[in-house]
Amino acid sequence: GPPIYPKWVFYYYATHLRWVADPSFVFDITGLVERKIASIRAYETQFVIPEKNRGIVEWLEASARYFGSRIGTPAGEPFFTKEPVGLVNLSALA
C-alpha cells in the first residue's frame, strides 16, 4: 500500500544524555512520578542490579522536579519536536 506518514513526531528526552535540554513542551506529570519510578524499578536487572545504573532513579526524580519547575508544577516530562506545533487558540496551553 501507499506509505503512511505520521502527522507529528515527538521525541522523548533520552536519559543517557548529560546536557540540560531546552524542550519544545513539558507535560505536567505531578502525581505520576511514583508510577514512573515503579515501572523503572520493575526492570531491576537493568536499573537496580548493575551498580553503574543505580543512580538512574534519583536522576529521573531530579529531572522531573527540574522540568516541573520550568512550568510551575512539582514534576514535568520534556518532549521535543523538530517542527513548530500549530495551535488554534491559546486555551490549548492552559
N, C-alpha and C. Protein backbone atom coordinates (compact mmCIF):
# COMPACT_ATOMS: atom_id res chain seq x y z
N GLY A 1 0.80 -1.18 0.00
CA GLY A 1 0.00 0.00 0.00
C GLY A 1 0.85 1.25 0.00
N PRO A 2 0.22 2.39 -0.03
CA PRO A 2 0.95 3.66 -0.03
C PRO A 2 1.60 3.90 1.34
N PRO A 3 2.69 4.65 1.35
CA PRO A 3 3.34 4.95 2.63
C PRO A 3 2.44 5.77 3.55
N ILE A 4 2.60 5.55 4.82
CA ILE A 4 1.85 6.30 5.83
C ILE A 4 2.84 7.18 6.58
N TYR A 5 2.55 8.45 6.64
CA TYR A 5 3.43 9.39 7.32
C TYR A 5 2.73 9.93 8.56
N PRO A 6 3.42 9.94 9.69
CA PRO A 6 2.79 10.49 10.90
C PRO A 6 2.63 12.00 10.77
N LYS A 7 1.57 12.51 11.36
CA LYS A 7 1.34 13.95 11.34
C LYS A 7 2.39 14.66 12.20
N TRP A 8 2.74 14.05 13.32
CA TRP A 8 3.71 14.63 14.25
C TRP A 8 4.68 13.56 14.70
N VAL A 9 5.90 13.99 14.98
CA VAL A 9 6.89 13.13 15.64
C VAL A 9 7.36 13.89 16.87
N PHE A 10 7.15 13.29 18.03
CA PHE A 10 7.59 13.89 19.29
C PHE A 10 8.72 13.04 19.84
N TYR A 11 9.77 13.69 20.26
CA TYR A 11 10.95 13.00 20.78
C TYR A 11 10.97 13.07 22.30
N TYR A 12 11.29 11.95 22.90
CA TYR A 12 11.39 11.85 24.36
C TYR A 12 12.82 12.19 24.77
N TYR A 13 12.97 12.75 25.94
CA TYR A 13 14.28 13.12 26.48
C TYR A 13 15.04 11.86 26.87
N ALA A 14 16.14 11.58 26.19
CA ALA A 14 16.94 10.39 26.47
C ALA A 14 17.72 10.57 27.76
N THR A 15 17.56 9.65 28.68
CA THR A 15 18.19 9.78 29.99
C THR A 15 19.70 9.61 29.96
N HIS A 16 20.24 9.04 28.91
CA HIS A 16 21.70 8.86 28.86
C HIS A 16 22.43 10.13 28.42
N LEU A 17 21.70 11.12 27.94
CA LEU A 17 22.33 12.37 27.54
C LEU A 17 22.60 13.22 28.77
N ARG A 18 23.78 13.80 28.84
CA ARG A 18 24.16 14.61 30.00
C ARG A 18 24.20 16.09 29.64
N TRP A 19 23.11 16.58 29.09
CA TRP A 19 23.02 18.00 28.77
C TRP A 19 21.69 18.54 29.27
N VAL A 20 21.67 19.80 29.55
CA VAL A 20 20.43 20.43 30.01
C VAL A 20 19.61 20.77 28.78
N ALA A 21 18.50 20.12 28.66
CA ALA A 21 17.67 20.24 27.46
C ALA A 21 16.81 21.49 27.49
N ASP A 22 16.50 22.00 26.32
CA ASP A 22 15.54 23.08 26.16
C ASP A 22 14.36 22.50 25.38
N PRO A 23 13.39 21.92 26.09
CA PRO A 23 12.32 21.17 25.42
C PRO A 23 11.36 22.06 24.64
N SER A 24 10.69 21.43 23.69
CA SER A 24 9.64 22.12 22.93
C SER A 24 8.41 22.31 23.79
N PHE A 25 8.10 21.31 24.61
CA PHE A 25 7.00 21.41 25.57
C PHE A 25 7.24 20.44 26.71
N VAL A 26 6.59 20.70 27.83
CA VAL A 26 6.74 19.88 29.03
C VAL A 26 5.35 19.50 29.53
N PHE A 27 5.13 18.20 29.72
CA PHE A 27 3.88 17.71 30.30
C PHE A 27 3.98 17.74 31.81
N ASP A 28 2.93 18.16 32.46
CA ASP A 28 2.83 18.08 33.92
C ASP A 28 2.59 16.61 34.28
N ILE A 29 3.55 16.00 34.99
CA ILE A 29 3.40 14.60 35.41
C ILE A 29 3.28 14.50 36.93
N THR A 30 2.88 15.58 37.56
CA THR A 30 2.66 15.56 39.00
C THR A 30 1.67 14.44 39.33
N GLY A 31 2.00 13.65 40.30
CA GLY A 31 1.15 12.53 40.69
C GLY A 31 1.45 11.25 39.93
N LEU A 32 2.30 11.32 38.93
CA LEU A 32 2.65 10.13 38.15
C LEU A 32 4.10 9.69 38.34
N VAL A 33 4.88 10.48 39.05
CA VAL A 33 6.30 10.18 39.21
C VAL A 33 6.50 8.84 39.91
N GLU A 34 5.74 8.57 40.95
CA GLU A 34 5.88 7.31 41.68
C GLU A 34 5.61 6.12 40.77
N ARG A 35 4.61 6.24 39.92
CA ARG A 35 4.28 5.18 38.97
C ARG A 35 5.42 4.98 37.96
N LYS A 36 5.99 6.08 37.49
CA LYS A 36 7.11 6.00 36.56
C LYS A 36 8.30 5.31 37.21
N ILE A 37 8.62 5.70 38.44
CA ILE A 37 9.75 5.11 39.16
C ILE A 37 9.50 3.62 39.41
N ALA A 38 8.29 3.26 39.77
CA ALA A 38 7.96 1.85 40.00
C ALA A 38 8.15 1.04 38.71
N SER A 39 7.80 1.62 37.58
CA SER A 39 7.97 0.90 36.32
C SER A 39 9.45 0.73 35.99
N ILE A 40 10.27 1.72 36.32
CA ILE A 40 11.72 1.60 36.11
C ILE A 40 12.29 0.51 37.02
N ARG A 41 11.88 0.51 38.27
CA ARG A 41 12.38 -0.50 39.22
C ARG A 41 11.94 -1.91 38.86
N ALA A 42 10.89 -2.06 38.08
CA ALA A 42 10.45 -3.38 37.63
C ALA A 42 11.50 -4.04 36.73
N TYR A 43 12.33 -3.22 36.12
CA TYR A 43 13.42 -3.73 35.28
C TYR A 43 14.71 -3.78 36.11
N GLU A 44 14.66 -4.50 37.20
CA GLU A 44 15.76 -4.48 38.16
C GLU A 44 17.07 -4.98 37.57
N THR A 45 17.03 -5.89 36.60
CA THR A 45 18.29 -6.37 36.01
C THR A 45 18.99 -5.28 35.20
N GLN A 46 18.26 -4.25 34.80
CA GLN A 46 18.86 -3.15 34.06
C GLN A 46 19.17 -1.94 34.94
N PHE A 47 18.31 -1.68 35.92
CA PHE A 47 18.43 -0.42 36.66
C PHE A 47 18.71 -0.55 38.15
N VAL A 48 18.62 -1.74 38.71
CA VAL A 48 18.84 -1.90 40.15
C VAL A 48 20.09 -2.72 40.41
N ILE A 49 20.22 -3.84 39.74
CA ILE A 49 21.35 -4.74 39.99
C ILE A 49 22.68 -4.15 39.51
N PRO A 50 22.79 -3.65 38.27
CA PRO A 50 24.09 -3.09 37.85
C PRO A 50 24.42 -1.83 38.65
N GLU A 51 25.54 -1.85 39.32
CA GLU A 51 25.93 -0.71 40.16
C GLU A 51 25.99 0.60 39.37
N LYS A 52 26.45 0.53 38.13
CA LYS A 52 26.59 1.76 37.34
C LYS A 52 25.26 2.43 37.01
N ASN A 53 24.14 1.69 37.10
CA ASN A 53 22.83 2.24 36.77
C ASN A 53 21.97 2.56 37.98
N ARG A 54 22.48 2.36 39.17
CA ARG A 54 21.65 2.55 40.37
C ARG A 54 21.21 3.99 40.58
N GLY A 55 21.95 4.94 40.08
CA GLY A 55 21.60 6.34 40.26
C GLY A 55 20.49 6.84 39.35
N ILE A 56 20.02 5.99 38.45
CA ILE A 56 19.02 6.44 37.47
C ILE A 56 17.73 6.90 38.13
N VAL A 57 17.32 6.23 39.20
CA VAL A 57 16.06 6.61 39.86
C VAL A 57 16.18 8.02 40.43
N GLU A 58 17.27 8.30 41.13
CA GLU A 58 17.46 9.64 41.68
C GLU A 58 17.56 10.67 40.57
N TRP A 59 18.23 10.32 39.48
CA TRP A 59 18.37 11.24 38.36
C TRP A 59 17.01 11.54 37.74
N LEU A 60 16.17 10.52 37.56
CA LEU A 60 14.84 10.72 36.99
C LEU A 60 13.97 11.59 37.89
N GLU A 61 14.06 11.37 39.19
CA GLU A 61 13.28 12.20 40.13
C GLU A 61 13.74 13.65 40.07
N ALA A 62 15.06 13.86 40.05
CA ALA A 62 15.59 15.22 39.97
C ALA A 62 15.21 15.88 38.65
N SER A 63 15.28 15.12 37.57
CA SER A 63 14.90 15.64 36.25
C SER A 63 13.44 16.05 36.23
N ALA A 64 12.58 15.22 36.80
CA ALA A 64 11.14 15.54 36.85
C ALA A 64 10.91 16.83 37.64
N ARG A 65 11.63 16.99 38.76
CA ARG A 65 11.49 18.22 39.55
C ARG A 65 11.98 19.43 38.77
N TYR A 66 13.12 19.28 38.09
CA TYR A 66 13.67 20.39 37.32
C TYR A 66 12.70 20.84 36.22
N PHE A 67 12.25 19.90 35.40
CA PHE A 67 11.37 20.27 34.30
C PHE A 67 10.00 20.72 34.80
N GLY A 68 9.55 20.18 35.91
CA GLY A 68 8.33 20.68 36.53
C GLY A 68 8.49 22.13 36.96
N SER A 69 9.65 22.45 37.51
CA SER A 69 9.89 23.84 37.96
C SER A 69 9.84 24.81 36.80
N ARG A 70 10.16 24.35 35.62
CA ARG A 70 10.15 25.22 34.44
C ARG A 70 8.75 25.56 33.98
N ILE A 71 7.75 24.76 34.41
CA ILE A 71 6.36 25.05 34.03
C ILE A 71 5.49 25.34 35.25
N GLY A 72 6.13 25.48 36.42
CA GLY A 72 5.38 25.84 37.63
C GLY A 72 4.62 24.69 38.26
N THR A 73 5.10 23.46 38.08
CA THR A 73 4.47 22.29 38.68
C THR A 73 5.53 21.49 39.43
N PRO A 74 5.12 20.58 40.31
CA PRO A 74 6.11 19.77 41.04
C PRO A 74 6.92 18.82 40.15
N ALA A 75 6.36 18.36 39.03
CA ALA A 75 7.08 17.42 38.17
C ALA A 75 6.68 17.62 36.72
N GLY A 76 7.65 17.43 35.83
CA GLY A 76 7.38 17.58 34.40
C GLY A 76 8.19 16.61 33.56
N GLU A 77 7.69 16.34 32.38
CA GLU A 77 8.34 15.42 31.43
C GLU A 77 8.57 16.17 30.12
N PRO A 78 9.84 16.35 29.70
CA PRO A 78 10.12 17.13 28.50
C PRO A 78 9.97 16.33 27.21
N PHE A 79 9.53 17.01 26.16
CA PHE A 79 9.44 16.43 24.83
C PHE A 79 9.94 17.46 23.82
N PHE A 80 10.28 16.98 22.64
CA PHE A 80 10.87 17.82 21.61
C PHE A 80 10.19 17.58 20.27
N THR A 81 10.17 18.61 19.46
CA THR A 81 9.72 18.49 18.08
C THR A 81 10.74 19.18 17.19
N LYS A 82 10.82 18.76 15.96
CA LYS A 82 11.70 19.42 15.01
C LYS A 82 10.94 20.46 14.19
N GLU A 83 9.61 20.43 14.32
CA GLU A 83 8.77 21.36 13.58
C GLU A 83 7.90 22.14 14.56
N PRO A 84 7.44 23.32 14.18
CA PRO A 84 6.55 24.06 15.06
C PRO A 84 5.22 23.32 15.24
N VAL A 85 4.67 23.43 16.42
CA VAL A 85 3.36 22.86 16.71
C VAL A 85 2.34 23.97 16.54
N GLY A 86 1.36 23.77 15.68
CA GLY A 86 0.34 24.79 15.44
C GLY A 86 -0.79 24.72 16.46
N LEU A 87 -1.28 25.88 16.85
CA LEU A 87 -2.39 25.98 17.79
C LEU A 87 -3.53 26.75 17.14
N VAL A 88 -4.75 26.36 17.48
CA VAL A 88 -5.92 27.08 17.00
C VAL A 88 -6.22 28.26 17.92
N ASN A 89 -5.99 28.06 19.23
CA ASN A 89 -6.17 29.13 20.20
C ASN A 89 -5.28 28.87 21.40
N LEU A 90 -5.15 29.86 22.26
CA LEU A 90 -4.26 29.74 23.41
C LEU A 90 -4.82 28.89 24.54
N SER A 91 -6.11 28.57 24.51
CA SER A 91 -6.68 27.75 25.58
C SER A 91 -6.06 26.36 25.60
N ALA A 92 -5.48 25.92 24.50
CA ALA A 92 -4.79 24.63 24.46
C ALA A 92 -3.55 24.64 25.34
N LEU A 93 -3.07 25.82 25.69
CA LEU A 93 -1.87 25.93 26.52
C LEU A 93 -2.18 25.98 28.01
N ALA A 94 -3.44 25.97 28.38
CA ALA A 94 -3.82 26.09 29.79
C ALA A 94 -3.48 24.85 30.57
